[in-house]
Amino acid sequence: VYGGAEMSENYLKHYEMELIILSPVYIGSGEKIGKKEYIFLPLKKRVLVPDLGKMYTALMKKRADWEYQEYMLEDTPIPLGIWLKDHKFTMQDYQSWTKYEMNSGDALLGNGGKQGRTHEIQCFIKDAYGMPYIPGSSIKGMIRSALLAYEVKKNPKKYENIKQDILSNIGNKASRTKFLQKEDLELETMVFHTLNREGQKRENAVNSIMAGIIVGDSSPIDPKRLTLSQKIDYTLSKTERTFPLLRETIMPETRVLFELTIDTQICQYKIEDIKAALELFNEICYERFYSHFGRGDNRKGIVWIGGGVGYLSKTVIYSLFDREAVQVAQGIFKGTLSEKIFRQHKHDKDRSLGVSPHVCKCTRYNNQLYDMGKCQLRVLKKE
């Protein structure tokens, strides 16, 4: 899937890249749409997100503003669309208020396709013009994880001390953000912080060769490519557990463009190294995790990006520990979860099951089960 013309001799190597979205991708903005802040049209499988200011002005004109305030304060399961219809508002009204709309996908369709209880929606990141996009930081984070795994697999003995430090701290309790933070920093420093700039501590970001990989934000994505995705855990017994968690996602078969530049004066990695690292990372994900569920994709060019993908896509534990990785991952969950949650999620069975975590993060789109966050990466042009 990779191709392109020869690079120029300039020390800045530019690449035009394409990310082909193969399954719903979610990158959160931190914003949420309340369960009474959108209009669901079940027959059309559409969700309308209104401009609340425009909608409230229309409510005031119909003298329904006080009733609306009471409705918002009540603990009622009545969706906004039903409430508006009961107050004689029409589709024409809705469309005049709509900020954007999206396909509802297979989410929200309970009770035989009729509108059931609505849920809060986690929003996809958007630019100042309301257009979704893939941040360059998300793509670079994906590349960083892959390069870490790549280096660890190439030189396993070099990182033996870090492995021992992790093993000795597995039994400790800490929050998810602080657990093994020191060891993570040490590994990243050993792999990437090799510039040795005078007057700077080695662990400072200015010493990282990753500064030489510059990834731009993607081009804007048409909001019509948004869909809703519900969280589904797919188990080893091939059963699906759905959760009342909805996310705005980019739908499959969307093509996204972005630019990547390598400053060869700072970074020794070539585009071929990045491709090889991403290939290796997917191989590890497939062999150590997805294949246990009969899922994943071992084709060339497959990458995993965004939220809701799962723990494996964000860690190098499986690269660092190889066959011991399940035991180590189990220990990490034990250290970061309460005893109740640890047993509730059945992490005490991880070693006997031979995989950790033992659920695959999925969703449904067009009545088909998809792994979250699967894409294919291509180099379109080299300059």
Protein backbone atom coordinates (compact mmCIF):
# COMPACT_ATOMS: atom_id res chain seq x y z
CA VAL A 1 0.00 0.00 0.00
CA TYR A 2 3.00 2.27 0.22
CA GLY A 3 4.37 4.10 -2.79
CA GLY A 4 5.64 7.39 -4.13
CA ALA A 5 8.44 9.14 -5.95
CA GLU A 6 12.06 9.45 -4.79
CA MET A 7 12.79 11.97 -2.03
CA SER A 8 14.73 15.14 -2.72
CA GLU A 9 18.16 15.68 -1.15
CA ASN A 10 16.84 18.46 1.09
CA TYR A 11 17.30 17.71 4.81
CA LEU A 12 13.55 18.27 5.31
CA LYS A 13 11.76 15.27 3.81
CA HIS A 14 8.09 15.98 3.11
CA TYR A 15 5.40 13.35 2.62
CA GLU A 16 1.76 13.64 1.69
CA MET A 17 -0.03 10.89 3.60
CA GLU A 18 -3.44 9.28 3.44
CA LEU A 19 -5.31 7.59 6.25
CA ILE A 20 -8.10 5.34 4.97
CA ILE A 21 -10.58 4.81 7.79
CA LEU A 22 -11.68 1.17 7.80
CA SER A 23 -13.71 1.15 11.02
CA PRO A 24 -15.23 3.91 13.19
CA VAL A 25 -12.53 6.22 14.58
CA TYR A 26 -13.04 8.35 17.68
CA ILE A 27 -10.83 11.23 18.82
CA GLY A 28 -12.50 13.09 21.63
CA SER A 29 -12.65 16.84 22.15
CA GLY A 30 -13.61 16.52 25.83
CA GLU A 31 -17.01 18.03 25.04
CA LYS A 32 -20.28 16.18 25.54
CA ILE A 33 -23.80 16.54 24.22
CA GLY A 34 -26.35 15.91 26.96
CA LYS A 35 -29.08 13.34 26.42
CA LYS A 36 -31.63 16.20 26.19
CA GLU A 37 -29.50 18.31 23.83
CA TYR A 38 -29.97 16.51 20.52
CA ILE A 39 -32.89 15.38 18.38
CA PHE A 40 -33.00 11.76 17.29
CA LEU A 41 -35.04 10.86 14.19
CA PRO A 42 -35.29 7.04 14.37
CA LEU A 43 -37.05 6.51 11.02
CA LYS A 44 -34.36 8.50 9.20
CA LYS A 45 -31.54 7.19 11.44
CA ARG A 46 -30.34 10.77 11.89
CA VAL A 47 -29.25 12.83 14.89
CA LEU A 48 -29.65 16.61 14.73
CA VAL A 49 -27.48 18.73 17.03
CA PRO A 50 -29.25 22.08 17.42
CA ASP A 51 -27.79 25.49 18.02
CA LEU A 52 -29.24 25.85 21.52
CA GLY A 53 -29.39 29.66 21.25
CA LYS A 54 -31.48 29.54 18.08
CA MET A 55 -33.68 26.80 19.50
CA TYR A 56 -34.31 28.74 22.72
CA THR A 57 -35.28 31.85 20.74
CA ALA A 58 -37.89 29.76 18.91
CA LEU A 59 -39.15 28.37 22.24
CA MET A 60 -39.56 31.89 23.60
CA LYS A 61 -41.61 32.89 20.56
CA LYS A 62 -43.99 30.01 21.28
CA ARG A 63 -43.93 30.82 25.00
CA ALA A 64 -42.56 27.37 25.70
CA ASP A 65 -39.33 28.52 27.33
CA TRP A 66 -40.47 28.02 30.94
CA GLU A 67 -41.76 24.54 30.16
CA TYR A 68 -38.44 23.77 28.48
CA GLN A 69 -36.52 24.87 31.58
CA GLU A 70 -38.69 22.62 33.75
CA TYR A 71 -38.15 19.74 31.29
CA MET A 72 -34.37 20.21 31.48
CA LEU A 73 -34.46 20.14 35.29
CA GLU A 74 -36.69 17.07 35.49
CA ASP A 75 -35.24 13.57 35.70
CA THR A 76 -37.33 12.37 32.79
CA PRO A 77 -36.41 9.80 30.10
CA ILE A 78 -38.39 11.71 27.45
CA PRO A 79 -36.00 12.53 24.54
CA LEU A 80 -35.82 16.11 23.27
CA GLY A 81 -37.33 15.16 19.89
CA ILE A 82 -40.45 13.75 21.56
CA TRP A 83 -40.79 16.79 23.83
CA LEU A 84 -40.50 19.19 20.87
CA LYS A 85 -43.04 17.22 18.84
CA ASP A 86 -45.49 17.34 21.78
CA HIS A 87 -45.06 21.13 21.74
CA LYS A 88 -45.97 21.34 18.04
CA PHE A 89 -42.49 21.89 16.61
CA THR A 90 -41.87 20.45 13.16
CA MET A 91 -38.99 19.15 11.05
CA GLN A 92 -38.83 22.55 9.35
CA ASP A 93 -38.23 24.13 12.77
CA TYR A 94 -35.53 21.61 13.64
CA GLN A 95 -33.66 22.21 10.39
CA SER A 96 -33.59 25.97 10.94
CA TRP A 97 -31.82 25.41 14.28
CA THR A 98 -29.47 22.61 13.26
CA LYS A 99 -25.77 23.22 13.83
CA TYR A 100 -24.86 19.84 12.27
CA GLU A 101 -26.36 16.41 11.84
CA MET A 102 -25.05 12.89 11.58
CA ASN A 103 -25.96 9.31 10.84
CA SER A 104 -27.08 7.56 14.03
CA GLY A 105 -25.56 4.30 12.81
CA ASP A 106 -26.71 1.32 14.84
CA ALA A 107 -26.72 3.29 18.08
CA LEU A 108 -29.92 4.40 19.87
CA LEU A 109 -32.07 1.83 18.07
CA GLY A 110 -33.60 -0.18 20.87
CA ASN A 111 -37.15 -1.48 21.11
CA GLY A 112 -37.33 -2.82 17.58
CA GLY A 113 -36.10 0.36 15.92
CA LYS A 114 -38.31 2.74 17.91
CA GLN A 115 -36.81 5.60 19.85
CA GLY A 116 -35.85 4.48 23.33
CA ARG A 117 -33.87 6.15 26.09
CA THR A 118 -31.19 8.52 24.78
CA HIS A 119 -27.68 8.79 26.19
CA GLU A 120 -24.98 11.43 26.46
CA ILE A 121 -22.75 11.72 23.36
CA GLN A 122 -18.98 12.22 23.54
CA CYS A 123 -17.97 14.66 20.80
CA PHE A 124 -15.33 14.23 18.09
CA ILE A 125 -12.69 16.97 17.99
CA LYS A 126 -13.53 19.82 15.57
CA ASP A 127 -11.78 22.96 14.34
CA ALA A 128 -12.95 26.55 14.81
CA TYR A 129 -15.34 26.11 11.86
CA GLY A 130 -16.99 23.01 13.32
CA MET A 131 -15.21 20.62 10.95
CA PRO A 132 -13.94 17.29 12.35
CA TYR A 133 -10.24 16.51 11.83
CA ILE A 134 -7.54 14.08 12.97
CA PRO A 135 -4.98 15.97 15.11
CA GLY A 136 -1.36 15.57 14.14
CA SER A 137 -0.62 14.80 17.80
CA SER A 138 -2.83 11.69 17.63
CA ILE A 139 -1.02 10.42 14.54
CA LYS A 140 2.38 11.21 16.04
CA GLY A 141 1.40 9.39 19.25
CA MET A 142 0.59 6.32 17.15
CA ILE A 143 4.00 6.56 15.43
CA ARG A 144 5.78 7.08 18.76
CA SER A 145 4.28 3.90 20.26
CA ALA A 146 5.25 1.92 17.16
CA LEU A 147 8.85 3.23 17.15
CA LEU A 148 9.25 2.38 20.84
CA ALA A 149 8.09 -1.18 20.15
CA TYR A 150 10.37 -1.33 17.10
CA GLU A 151 13.47 -0.35 19.08
CA VAL A 152 12.65 -2.70 21.95
CA LYS A 153 12.27 -5.66 19.59
CA LYS A 154 15.55 -4.80 17.80
CA ASN A 155 17.61 -4.50 21.00
CA PRO A 156 15.85 -6.46 23.79
CA LYS A 157 18.97 -6.79 25.99
CA LYS A 158 19.50 -3.02 26.01
CA TYR A 159 16.27 -2.52 27.95
CA GLU A 160 16.64 -5.42 30.40
CA ASN A 161 17.07 -3.09 33.40
CA ILE A 162 13.78 -1.33 32.61
CA LYS A 163 12.05 -4.71 32.36
CA GLN A 164 13.33 -5.61 35.82
CA ASP A 165 12.22 -2.24 37.23
CA ILE A 166 8.71 -2.78 35.85
CA LEU A 167 8.54 -6.32 37.25
CA SER A 168 9.65 -5.11 40.70
CA ASN A 169 6.93 -2.42 40.76
CA ILE A 170 4.05 -4.50 39.42
CA GLY A 171 2.64 -5.15 42.92
CA ASN A 172 2.44 -1.44 43.82
CA LYS A 173 -0.80 0.52 43.79
CA ALA A 174 -1.09 3.79 41.84
CA SER A 175 -3.46 5.72 39.59
CA ARG A 176 -3.57 4.86 35.89
CA THR A 177 -1.75 8.08 35.00
CA LYS A 178 1.07 7.58 37.53
CA PHE A 179 1.53 3.80 37.40
CA LEU A 180 4.97 2.95 35.95
CA GLN A 181 5.35 6.64 34.99
CA LYS A 182 9.04 6.64 35.98
CA GLU A 183 9.74 3.48 33.93
CA ASP A 184 7.86 4.87 30.89
CA LEU A 185 9.93 8.06 31.02
CA GLU A 186 13.15 6.08 31.40
CA LEU A 187 12.32 3.91 28.35
CA GLU A 188 11.39 6.89 26.21
CA THR A 189 14.55 8.72 27.29
CA MET A 190 16.76 5.75 26.37
CA VAL A 191 15.13 5.31 22.96
CA PHE A 192 14.52 8.87 21.79
CA HIS A 193 16.54 11.35 23.90
CA THR A 194 19.86 11.01 22.10
CA LEU A 195 20.60 14.56 20.90
CA ASN A 196 22.72 15.45 23.99
CA ARG A 197 22.26 19.19 23.61
CA GLU A 198 24.64 21.15 25.79
CA GLY A 199 23.19 22.52 29.03
CA GLN A 200 20.09 20.35 28.85
CA LYS A 201 19.16 17.35 30.94
CA ARG A 202 18.87 14.21 28.86
CA GLU A 203 15.18 13.70 29.79
CA ASN A 204 14.21 17.17 28.52
CA ALA A 205 12.08 17.16 25.35
CA VAL A 206 14.68 19.26 23.48
CA ASN A 207 16.93 16.18 23.44
CA SER A 208 14.32 13.97 21.78
CA ILE A 209 14.76 12.97 18.15
CA MET A 210 10.95 12.83 17.95
CA ALA A 211 11.08 16.62 17.56
CA GLY A 212 12.33 15.84 14.05
CA ILE A 213 9.08 14.12 13.10
CA ILE A 214 6.53 16.83 12.37
CA VAL A 215 2.97 15.69 11.74
CA GLY A 216 0.34 18.18 10.65
CA ASP A 217 -3.35 18.08 11.49
CA SER A 218 -5.42 16.38 8.83
CA SER A 219 -7.45 18.24 6.28
CA PRO A 220 -11.02 18.99 7.47
CA ILE A 221 -13.48 16.10 7.28
CA ASP A 222 -17.02 16.62 6.02
CA PRO A 223 -19.36 16.50 9.09
CA LYS A 224 -21.60 14.24 6.98
CA ARG A 225 -18.94 11.56 7.56
CA LEU A 226 -19.79 11.56 11.28
CA THR A 227 -21.78 8.69 12.75
CA LEU A 228 -22.68 7.55 16.25
CA SER A 229 -20.91 4.53 17.71
CA GLN A 230 -21.91 2.63 20.82
CA LYS A 231 -19.30 0.96 23.01
CA ILE A 232 -19.32 -2.83 22.68
CA ASP A 233 -17.04 -5.28 24.48
CA TYR A 234 -16.50 -8.45 22.42
CA THR A 235 -15.55 -11.43 24.57
CA LEU A 236 -13.47 -14.55 23.98
CA SER A 237 -16.71 -16.53 23.89
CA LYS A 238 -17.78 -14.31 20.96
CA THR A 239 -20.56 -12.55 22.84
CA GLU A 240 -21.24 -8.81 22.74
CA ARG A 241 -21.77 -6.59 25.79
CA THR A 242 -23.18 -3.16 24.95
CA PHE A 243 -22.76 -0.09 27.13
CA PRO A 244 -24.73 3.19 27.31
CA LEU A 245 -21.75 5.10 25.92
CA LEU A 246 -22.10 6.91 22.60
CA ARG A 247 -19.31 8.57 20.64
CA GLU A 248 -19.22 10.70 17.53
CA THR A 249 -16.96 8.80 15.15
CA ILE A 250 -15.73 9.05 11.57
CA MET A 251 -17.48 6.39 9.52
CA PRO A 252 -15.67 3.70 7.50
CA GLU A 253 -14.56 4.36 3.91
CA THR A 254 -13.53 7.94 4.74
CA ARG A 255 -10.19 9.10 3.32
CA VAL A 256 -8.18 11.65 5.30
CA LEU A 257 -5.09 13.55 4.11
CA PHE A 258 -2.26 14.92 6.26
CA GLU A 259 1.39 15.93 5.88
CA LEU A 260 4.43 14.43 7.59
CA THR A 261 7.90 15.97 7.59
CA ILE A 262 11.15 14.41 8.81
CA ASP A 263 13.98 16.77 9.78
CA THR A 264 16.97 14.56 9.02
CA GLN A 265 19.30 16.89 10.96
CA ILE A 266 17.44 15.92 14.17
CA CYS A 267 15.94 12.52 13.50
CA GLN A 268 17.69 9.49 12.00
CA TYR A 269 14.43 7.64 11.24
CA LYS A 270 13.46 7.40 7.59
CA ILE A 271 9.93 6.94 6.30
CA GLU A 272 10.84 3.28 5.68
CA ASP A 273 11.65 2.90 9.41
CA ILE A 274 8.31 4.41 10.39
CA LYS A 275 6.48 2.06 8.02
CA ALA A 276 8.43 -0.94 9.35
CA ALA A 277 7.69 0.07 12.95
CA LEU A 278 3.97 0.41 12.25
CA GLU A 279 3.96 -2.98 10.48
CA LEU A 280 5.69 -4.61 13.46
CA PHE A 281 3.34 -2.98 15.96
CA ASN A 282 0.30 -4.31 14.10
CA GLU A 283 1.87 -7.78 13.92
CA ILE A 284 2.28 -7.73 17.71
CA CYS A 285 -1.30 -6.48 18.20
CA TYR A 286 -2.63 -9.21 15.92
CA GLU A 287 -0.59 -12.12 17.30
CA ARG A 288 -0.78 -11.24 20.99
CA PHE A 289 -4.32 -9.90 21.13
CA TYR A 290 -6.75 -9.73 18.20
CA SER A 291 -6.17 -13.29 16.96
CA HIS A 292 -7.47 -14.64 20.29
CA PHE A 293 -10.86 -13.15 19.39
CA GLY A 294 -10.78 -14.07 15.71
CA ARG A 295 -10.56 -10.33 14.99
CA GLY A 296 -7.96 -7.75 13.94
CA ASP A 297 -6.25 -7.48 10.56
CA ASN A 298 -2.75 -8.64 9.63
CA ARG A 299 -2.63 -6.99 6.20
CA LYS A 300 0.11 -4.51 5.29
CA GLY A 301 -0.40 -0.88 6.24
CA ILE A 302 -2.91 -1.46 9.04
CA VAL A 303 -2.69 1.00 11.96
CA TRP A 304 -4.81 1.66 15.04
CA ILE A 305 -5.69 5.17 16.18
CA GLY A 306 -7.93 7.10 18.52
CA GLY A 307 -9.95 6.51 21.66
CA GLY A 308 -11.93 3.40 22.45
CA VAL A 309 -9.37 1.16 20.71
CA GLY A 310 -8.15 -0.40 23.93
CA TYR A 311 -5.10 -0.72 26.12
CA LEU A 312 -2.95 -2.66 23.65
CA SER A 313 -2.68 0.17 21.10
CA LYS A 314 -1.18 2.53 23.69
CA THR A 315 1.46 0.31 25.30
CA VAL A 316 4.79 -1.39 24.52
CA ILE A 317 4.34 -4.01 27.26
CA TYR A 318 3.72 -6.77 24.70
CA SER A 319 6.88 -5.80 22.80
CA LEU A 320 8.99 -5.50 25.92
CA PHE A 321 7.92 -8.73 27.64
CA ASP A 322 6.90 -10.95 24.76
CA ARG A 323 5.56 -14.22 26.29
CA GLU A 324 5.47 -12.79 29.82
CA ALA A 325 3.31 -9.86 28.69
CA VAL A 326 -0.03 -11.33 29.80
CA GLN A 327 1.25 -11.75 33.35
CA VAL A 328 2.67 -8.20 33.35
CA ALA A 329 -0.53 -6.68 31.90
CA GLN A 330 -2.56 -8.51 34.54
CA GLY A 331 -0.28 -7.03 37.22
CA ILE A 332 -0.75 -3.54 35.78
CA PHE A 333 -4.54 -3.88 35.97
CA LYS A 334 -4.21 -5.18 39.54
CA GLY A 335 -2.10 -2.15 40.47
CA THR A 336 -4.37 0.44 38.88
CA LEU A 337 -7.85 -0.96 39.60
CA SER A 338 -9.62 -1.48 42.90
CA GLU A 339 -9.88 -5.11 44.01
CA LYS A 340 -13.64 -5.01 43.34
CA ILE A 341 -13.25 -3.72 39.75
CA PHE A 342 -10.29 -6.06 39.12
CA ARG A 343 -12.44 -9.10 39.95
CA GLN A 344 -15.59 -7.65 38.40
CA HIS A 345 -13.74 -7.36 35.08
CA LYS A 346 -12.36 -10.89 35.65
CA HIS A 347 -8.72 -9.84 35.31
CA ASP A 348 -7.87 -12.58 37.84
CA LYS A 349 -8.47 -15.01 34.93
CA ASP A 350 -6.18 -13.24 32.41
CA ARG A 351 -3.26 -15.66 32.74
CA SER A 352 -5.40 -18.77 32.39
CA LEU A 353 -7.13 -17.24 29.35
CA GLY A 354 -3.77 -16.36 27.77
CA VAL A 355 -4.69 -12.76 26.90
CA SER A 356 -4.97 -9.46 28.76
CA PRO A 357 -7.19 -7.53 28.53
CA HIS A 358 -9.69 -10.25 27.60
CA VAL A 359 -12.27 -8.13 25.79
CA CYS A 360 -11.91 -6.58 22.34
CA LYS A 361 -13.21 -3.01 21.92
CA CYS A 362 -15.78 -2.94 19.14
CA THR A 363 -18.85 -1.14 17.80
CA ARG A 364 -21.54 -1.73 15.22
CA TYR A 365 -22.03 0.13 11.96
CA ASN A 366 -24.55 -0.85 9.26
CA ASN A 367 -25.37 -3.95 11.27
CA GLN A 368 -21.77 -5.17 11.11
CA LEU A 369 -19.37 -5.57 14.05
CA TYR A 370 -16.17 -3.50 13.70
CA ASP A 371 -13.00 -3.21 15.76
CA MET A 372 -12.60 0.40 16.86
CA GLY A 373 -9.98 2.62 15.26
CA LYS A 374 -8.69 0.51 12.35
CA CYS A 375 -7.15 2.42 9.44
CA GLN A 376 -4.79 1.88 6.53
CA LEU A 377 -1.86 4.25 6.06
CA ARG A 378 -0.43 5.18 2.66
CA VAL A 379 2.34 7.46 1.42
CA LEU A 380 0.86 9.34 -1.54
CA LYS A 381 3.71 11.65 -2.45
CA LYS A 382 7.32 12.34 -1.46
CA GLU A 383 9.00 15.69 -1.98
